[in-house]
Protein backbone atom coordinates (compact mmCIF):
# COMPACT_ATOMS: atom_id res chain seq x y z
CA MET A 1 -6.34 -22.03 8.00
CA SER A 2 -2.80 -23.07 8.53
CA GLY A 3 -1.46 -20.23 10.30
CA LEU A 4 1.68 -18.26 9.87
CA ARG A 5 3.88 -19.70 12.72
CA GLY A 6 7.58 -19.62 11.68
CA LYS A 7 6.66 -17.58 8.63
CA THR A 8 8.54 -14.45 7.68
CA ILE A 9 6.43 -11.17 6.70
CA PHE A 10 8.03 -8.22 5.52
CA ILE A 11 5.83 -5.21 6.11
CA THR A 12 6.37 -1.40 5.04
CA GLY A 13 5.08 1.23 6.64
CA ALA A 14 4.62 -0.63 9.87
CA THR A 15 5.08 1.97 12.22
CA ARG A 16 1.47 2.60 13.19
CA GLY A 17 -2.13 2.15 11.82
CA ILE A 18 -2.79 -0.48 9.60
CA GLY A 19 0.91 -1.68 8.97
CA ARG A 20 1.38 -2.03 12.86
CA GLU A 21 -2.09 -3.96 13.09
CA ILE A 22 -1.07 -6.44 10.51
CA ALA A 23 2.36 -6.84 12.17
CA LEU A 24 0.60 -7.64 15.35
CA ARG A 25 -1.83 -10.05 13.88
CA CYS A 26 0.92 -11.87 12.21
CA ALA A 27 2.79 -11.78 15.52
CA ARG A 28 0.24 -13.43 17.36
CA ASP A 29 0.36 -16.62 15.27
CA GLY A 30 4.10 -16.88 16.03
CA ALA A 31 5.37 -15.18 12.72
CA ASN A 32 8.68 -13.59 12.15
CA VAL A 33 7.98 -9.68 11.30
CA ILE A 34 10.03 -7.46 9.81
CA VAL A 35 8.70 -4.07 10.74
CA THR A 36 9.92 -1.35 8.59
CA GLY A 37 9.55 2.38 8.39
CA LYS A 38 11.20 5.78 8.60
CA THR A 39 10.39 6.64 12.40
CA THR A 40 13.09 5.60 14.49
CA SER A 41 12.44 7.94 17.42
CA SER A 42 9.16 9.03 19.15
CA HIS A 43 7.40 11.70 17.81
CA PRO A 44 4.82 14.09 20.21
CA ARG A 45 2.01 13.90 17.83
CA LEU A 46 2.58 10.38 16.27
CA PRO A 47 2.98 7.44 18.69
CA GLY A 48 5.20 4.61 17.65
CA THR A 49 8.35 3.67 16.04
CA ILE A 50 9.75 0.74 14.24
CA HIS A 51 11.56 -0.18 17.37
CA SER A 52 8.60 -0.01 19.77
CA VAL A 53 6.34 -2.03 17.35
CA ALA A 54 9.12 -4.70 17.15
CA GLN A 55 9.04 -4.77 20.85
CA GLU A 56 4.86 -5.31 20.49
CA VAL A 57 5.47 -8.03 18.00
CA GLU A 58 7.83 -9.82 20.50
CA ALA A 59 5.21 -9.40 23.18
CA ALA A 60 2.74 -10.74 21.09
CA GLY A 61 4.13 -14.02 20.34
CA GLY A 62 6.19 -13.51 17.19
CA ARG A 63 10.02 -12.38 16.36
CA GLY A 64 10.43 -8.79 15.47
CA LEU A 65 13.15 -7.04 13.47
CA ALA A 66 13.02 -3.33 13.11
CA LEU A 67 14.59 -1.97 9.95
CA GLU A 68 14.70 1.76 8.95
CA LEU A 69 13.55 1.91 5.51
CA ASP A 70 12.69 4.43 2.87
CA VAL A 71 10.85 2.50 0.29
CA ARG A 72 11.90 5.27 -2.40
CA ASP A 73 15.63 4.09 -1.98
CA ALA A 74 16.57 0.99 -4.25
CA ASP A 75 19.97 0.14 -2.26
CA ALA A 76 18.19 0.55 1.14
CA ILE A 77 15.48 -1.97 -0.13
CA ASP A 78 18.00 -4.64 -1.19
CA SER A 79 19.87 -4.10 2.16
CA ALA A 80 16.57 -4.47 4.08
CA VAL A 81 15.38 -7.47 2.12
CA LYS A 82 19.18 -9.36 2.61
CA ARG A 83 19.11 -8.54 6.40
CA ALA A 84 15.69 -9.86 6.59
CA VAL A 85 16.68 -13.32 4.97
CA ARG A 86 20.14 -13.28 7.10
CA SER A 87 17.85 -13.20 10.32
CA PHE A 88 15.04 -15.62 9.45
CA GLY A 89 16.23 -17.54 6.43
CA SER A 90 13.43 -16.64 4.10
CA ILE A 91 10.66 -14.32 3.24
CA ASP A 92 7.25 -15.78 2.77
CA ALA A 93 5.10 -12.70 2.44
CA LEU A 94 5.50 -9.07 1.46
CA VAL A 95 2.80 -6.51 2.49
CA ASN A 96 3.14 -3.10 0.59
CA ASN A 97 1.48 -0.91 3.09
CA ALA A 98 3.74 2.39 2.81
CA SER A 99 1.69 4.82 1.30
CA ALA A 100 1.56 8.70 0.89
CA ILE A 101 -1.39 10.80 0.34
CA SER A 102 -2.27 14.32 -0.63
CA LEU A 103 -6.12 14.97 -1.76
CA THR A 104 -5.45 18.05 -3.53
CA ALA A 105 -6.69 18.98 -7.14
CA THR A 106 -4.19 19.46 -10.02
CA LEU A 107 -3.32 23.23 -9.76
CA VAL A 108 -2.60 22.90 -5.90
CA THR A 109 -0.56 19.99 -5.96
CA PRO A 110 3.18 20.79 -5.74
CA ALA A 111 5.84 18.67 -7.62
CA ARG A 112 7.48 17.52 -4.44
CA ARG A 113 4.18 15.96 -3.35
CA PHE A 114 3.51 14.38 -6.57
CA ASP A 115 6.89 13.08 -6.56
CA LEU A 116 6.30 11.87 -2.76
CA MET A 117 3.39 10.01 -3.67
CA PHE A 118 4.74 8.26 -6.87
CA GLY A 119 8.07 7.50 -4.95
CA VAL A 120 6.23 5.95 -1.95
CA ASN A 121 3.26 4.25 -3.51
CA VAL A 122 4.43 3.32 -7.11
CA ARG A 123 8.01 3.16 -6.94
CA GLY A 124 8.27 1.65 -3.38
CA THR A 125 5.56 -1.04 -4.15
CA PHE A 126 7.29 -2.06 -7.37
CA LEU A 127 10.94 -2.22 -5.79
CA CYS A 128 10.05 -3.97 -2.54
CA SER A 129 8.09 -6.47 -4.57
CA GLN A 130 11.01 -6.78 -7.15
CA ALA A 131 13.50 -7.29 -4.12
CA CYS A 132 11.46 -10.02 -2.51
CA LEU A 133 10.03 -12.03 -5.32
CA PRO A 134 13.28 -14.38 -5.65
CA HIS A 135 12.82 -15.32 -1.82
CA LEU A 136 8.56 -15.51 -2.42
CA ALA A 137 9.35 -18.09 -5.20
CA LYS A 138 11.13 -20.26 -2.76
CA ALA A 139 8.51 -19.94 -0.08
CA ALA A 140 5.78 -22.72 0.12
CA ASN A 141 2.80 -20.33 -0.12
CA GLY A 142 4.33 -16.84 -1.19
CA HIS A 143 2.24 -13.61 -0.84
CA ILE A 144 2.30 -9.92 -2.14
CA LEU A 145 -0.33 -7.98 -0.48
CA ASN A 146 -0.67 -4.56 -1.72
CA LEU A 147 -2.98 -1.98 0.29
CA ALA A 148 -4.52 -0.74 -2.87
CA PRO A 149 -7.95 -0.07 -4.33
CA PRO A 150 -9.74 -2.08 -6.99
CA LEU A 151 -9.11 -0.30 -10.42
CA GLU A 152 -12.38 1.77 -11.36
CA LEU A 153 -11.71 4.03 -14.30
CA GLU A 154 -14.18 6.60 -13.61
CA PRO A 155 -13.70 10.19 -13.67
CA ARG A 156 -15.40 10.87 -10.31
CA TRP A 157 -12.38 9.04 -8.67
CA PHE A 158 -9.83 11.29 -10.45
CA LYS A 159 -11.20 14.71 -10.84
CA ASP A 160 -10.51 15.98 -7.25
CA HIS A 161 -7.19 14.42 -6.56
CA LEU A 162 -5.59 13.17 -9.79
CA ALA A 163 -2.20 12.61 -8.59
CA TYR A 164 -3.44 10.64 -5.58
CA THR A 165 -5.48 8.43 -7.75
CA MET A 166 -2.77 8.03 -10.22
CA ALA A 167 -0.38 6.81 -7.38
CA LYS A 168 -2.74 4.58 -5.46
CA TYR A 169 -3.86 3.26 -8.84
CA GLY A 170 -0.13 2.38 -9.74
CA MET A 171 -0.04 0.11 -6.97
CA SER A 172 -3.13 -1.61 -7.88
CA MET A 173 -1.75 -2.30 -11.33
CA CYS A 174 1.44 -3.72 -9.72
CA THR A 175 -1.27 -6.15 -8.50
CA LEU A 176 -2.85 -6.78 -11.84
CA GLY A 177 0.49 -7.08 -13.73
CA MET A 178 2.64 -9.12 -11.10
CA ALA A 179 -0.30 -11.62 -10.40
CA GLY A 180 -0.15 -12.41 -14.04
CA GLU A 181 3.65 -12.54 -14.38
CA PHE A 182 4.16 -14.71 -11.28
CA ARG A 183 1.15 -17.05 -11.30
CA PRO A 184 3.28 -19.83 -12.78
CA GLN A 185 5.68 -19.58 -10.00
CA GLY A 186 2.85 -20.21 -7.42
CA ILE A 187 3.42 -16.54 -6.00
CA ALA A 188 0.01 -14.87 -5.18
CA VAL A 189 -0.08 -11.04 -5.45
CA ASN A 190 -3.56 -9.49 -4.32
CA SER A 191 -4.81 -5.98 -3.19
CA LEU A 192 -6.62 -5.35 0.02
CA TRP A 193 -8.89 -2.34 0.57
CA PRO A 194 -11.11 -1.50 3.26
CA ARG A 195 -15.03 -0.95 2.74
CA THR A 196 -15.04 2.26 5.11
CA THR A 197 -12.65 4.81 6.21
CA ILE A 198 -10.06 3.51 8.63
CA ALA A 199 -8.98 5.42 11.79
CA THR A 200 -5.50 6.27 11.07
CA ALA A 201 -3.34 9.30 11.01
CA ALA A 202 -4.18 9.85 7.04
CA ILE A 203 -7.88 9.97 8.08
CA GLU A 204 -7.21 12.23 10.91
CA VAL A 205 -5.12 14.74 9.02
CA ASN A 206 -6.89 14.77 5.60
CA PHE A 207 -10.57 14.48 6.62
CA PRO A 208 -12.93 16.28 9.17
CA GLN A 209 -13.19 14.86 12.69
CA ALA A 210 -16.65 13.34 12.17
CA VAL A 211 -15.20 10.95 9.25
CA LEU A 212 -12.53 9.70 11.93
CA LYS A 213 -15.31 8.97 14.48
CA ALA A 214 -17.45 7.20 11.74
CA SER A 215 -14.55 5.00 10.70
CA ARG A 216 -13.46 1.52 11.61
CA LYS A 217 -10.51 0.52 13.58
CA PRO A 218 -7.18 -0.78 11.77
CA ALA A 219 -7.78 -4.20 12.98
CA ILE A 220 -10.68 -5.20 10.45
CA VAL A 221 -7.83 -4.71 7.90
CA ALA A 222 -5.53 -6.84 9.72
CA ASP A 223 -7.62 -9.61 10.27
CA ALA A 224 -8.61 -9.41 6.50
CA ALA A 225 -4.93 -9.35 5.62
CA TYR A 226 -4.08 -12.36 7.87
CA VAL A 227 -7.01 -14.33 6.07
CA VAL A 228 -5.54 -13.59 2.73
CA LEU A 229 -2.03 -14.65 3.56
CA ASN A 230 -3.21 -17.69 4.71
CA ARG A 231 -5.02 -18.59 1.23
CA ASP A 232 -3.47 -20.93 -1.12
CA SER A 233 -1.03 -18.72 -3.48
CA ARG A 234 -1.56 -20.99 -6.55
CA ILE A 235 -5.31 -20.37 -6.30
CA ALA A 236 -6.03 -16.80 -4.57
CA THR A 237 -4.20 -14.29 -6.60
CA GLY A 238 -4.86 -11.37 -8.72
CA ASN A 239 -8.03 -10.41 -6.54
CA PHE A 240 -8.87 -6.95 -5.49
CA TYR A 241 -9.89 -7.70 -1.96
CA ILE A 242 -12.23 -5.74 0.30
CA ASP A 243 -12.06 -6.14 3.83
CA GLU A 244 -15.55 -6.81 5.01
CA THR A 245 -16.27 -9.28 2.18
CA VAL A 246 -13.07 -11.28 3.07
CA LEU A 247 -14.17 -11.59 6.71
CA ARG A 248 -17.88 -12.37 5.72
CA GLU A 249 -16.56 -15.19 3.60
CA GLU A 250 -14.86 -16.44 6.77
CA GLY A 251 -18.19 -16.50 8.77
CA VAL A 252 -17.53 -13.02 10.59
CA THR A 253 -20.82 -11.43 11.17
CA ASP A 254 -19.98 -9.15 14.10
CA PHE A 255 -18.61 -5.70 12.63
CA GLU A 256 -19.43 -3.73 15.39
CA GLN A 257 -16.27 -4.82 17.14
CA TYR A 258 -14.25 -2.90 14.60
CA SER A 259 -16.17 0.50 14.59
CA VAL A 260 -14.54 3.68 16.66
CA THR A 261 -18.32 4.71 17.57
CA PRO A 262 -20.36 1.68 17.77
CA GLY A 263 -23.66 2.24 16.24
CA ALA A 264 -22.58 5.33 14.20
CA ALA A 265 -23.06 5.41 10.36
CA LEU A 266 -19.82 4.62 8.46
CA TYR A 267 -18.14 6.37 5.75
CA SER A 268 -17.32 4.54 2.75
CA ASP A 269 -13.68 4.75 1.68
CA LEU A 270 -12.40 6.32 -1.46
CA PHE A 271 -12.79 4.40 -4.92
CA LEU A 272 -15.86 2.32 -3.42
CA ASP A 273 -19.47 2.89 -3.89
């Protein structure tokens, strides 16, 4: 594995959880990490800001740049990408991690929540990819990695939370379409999804406490993302990767290290059997 030293990784939603863990994993290789998010000052219930994560990136051995970003804002995206390129000269990978969730049925999903999920998940993924693609085309191993599930058009994944499923599948469709569109230019576009629920704020808020305790740590997704970002972009594209499968392919056998509660029976994530 060639590593990410000197590569520039642009990550959306990098303030906490999976995004933060991916930022730190890349930083340990000596990567330049663009830490984006909306949290610029500390919150009493949700730790971390773009600035604190950028400092953690520096402490881990990388170079960090904190940029406030609402991924629904096209002008803000263009400005952030330009600042990233001015700072580091290139963009080698984009990680579309920012996501909004509301596991609500059709009749109780307010328009504002519907718009938020589509704005962050679909519009954000599309526009961030659009802005980064000209720079990824110049990279030696350009990657887009979307934190999105495999596409399974089965009613059971839609009937309980239609709006959320449509919004996440919109990200997955970006993977499917852009992988085909930009394959000739050697840009990889892939999705990555966890086999189990991951102990993040989204799980803590939307699921019972028992699910949080029977989840894995965000580090497993970060380790899998690192593997994918190091794969040959001209070969490894258009895939809907599962974190555990990626790591098993790399010879990892100890998955207890990722468990919040070692030995506990784990919960499968949404969209997976």
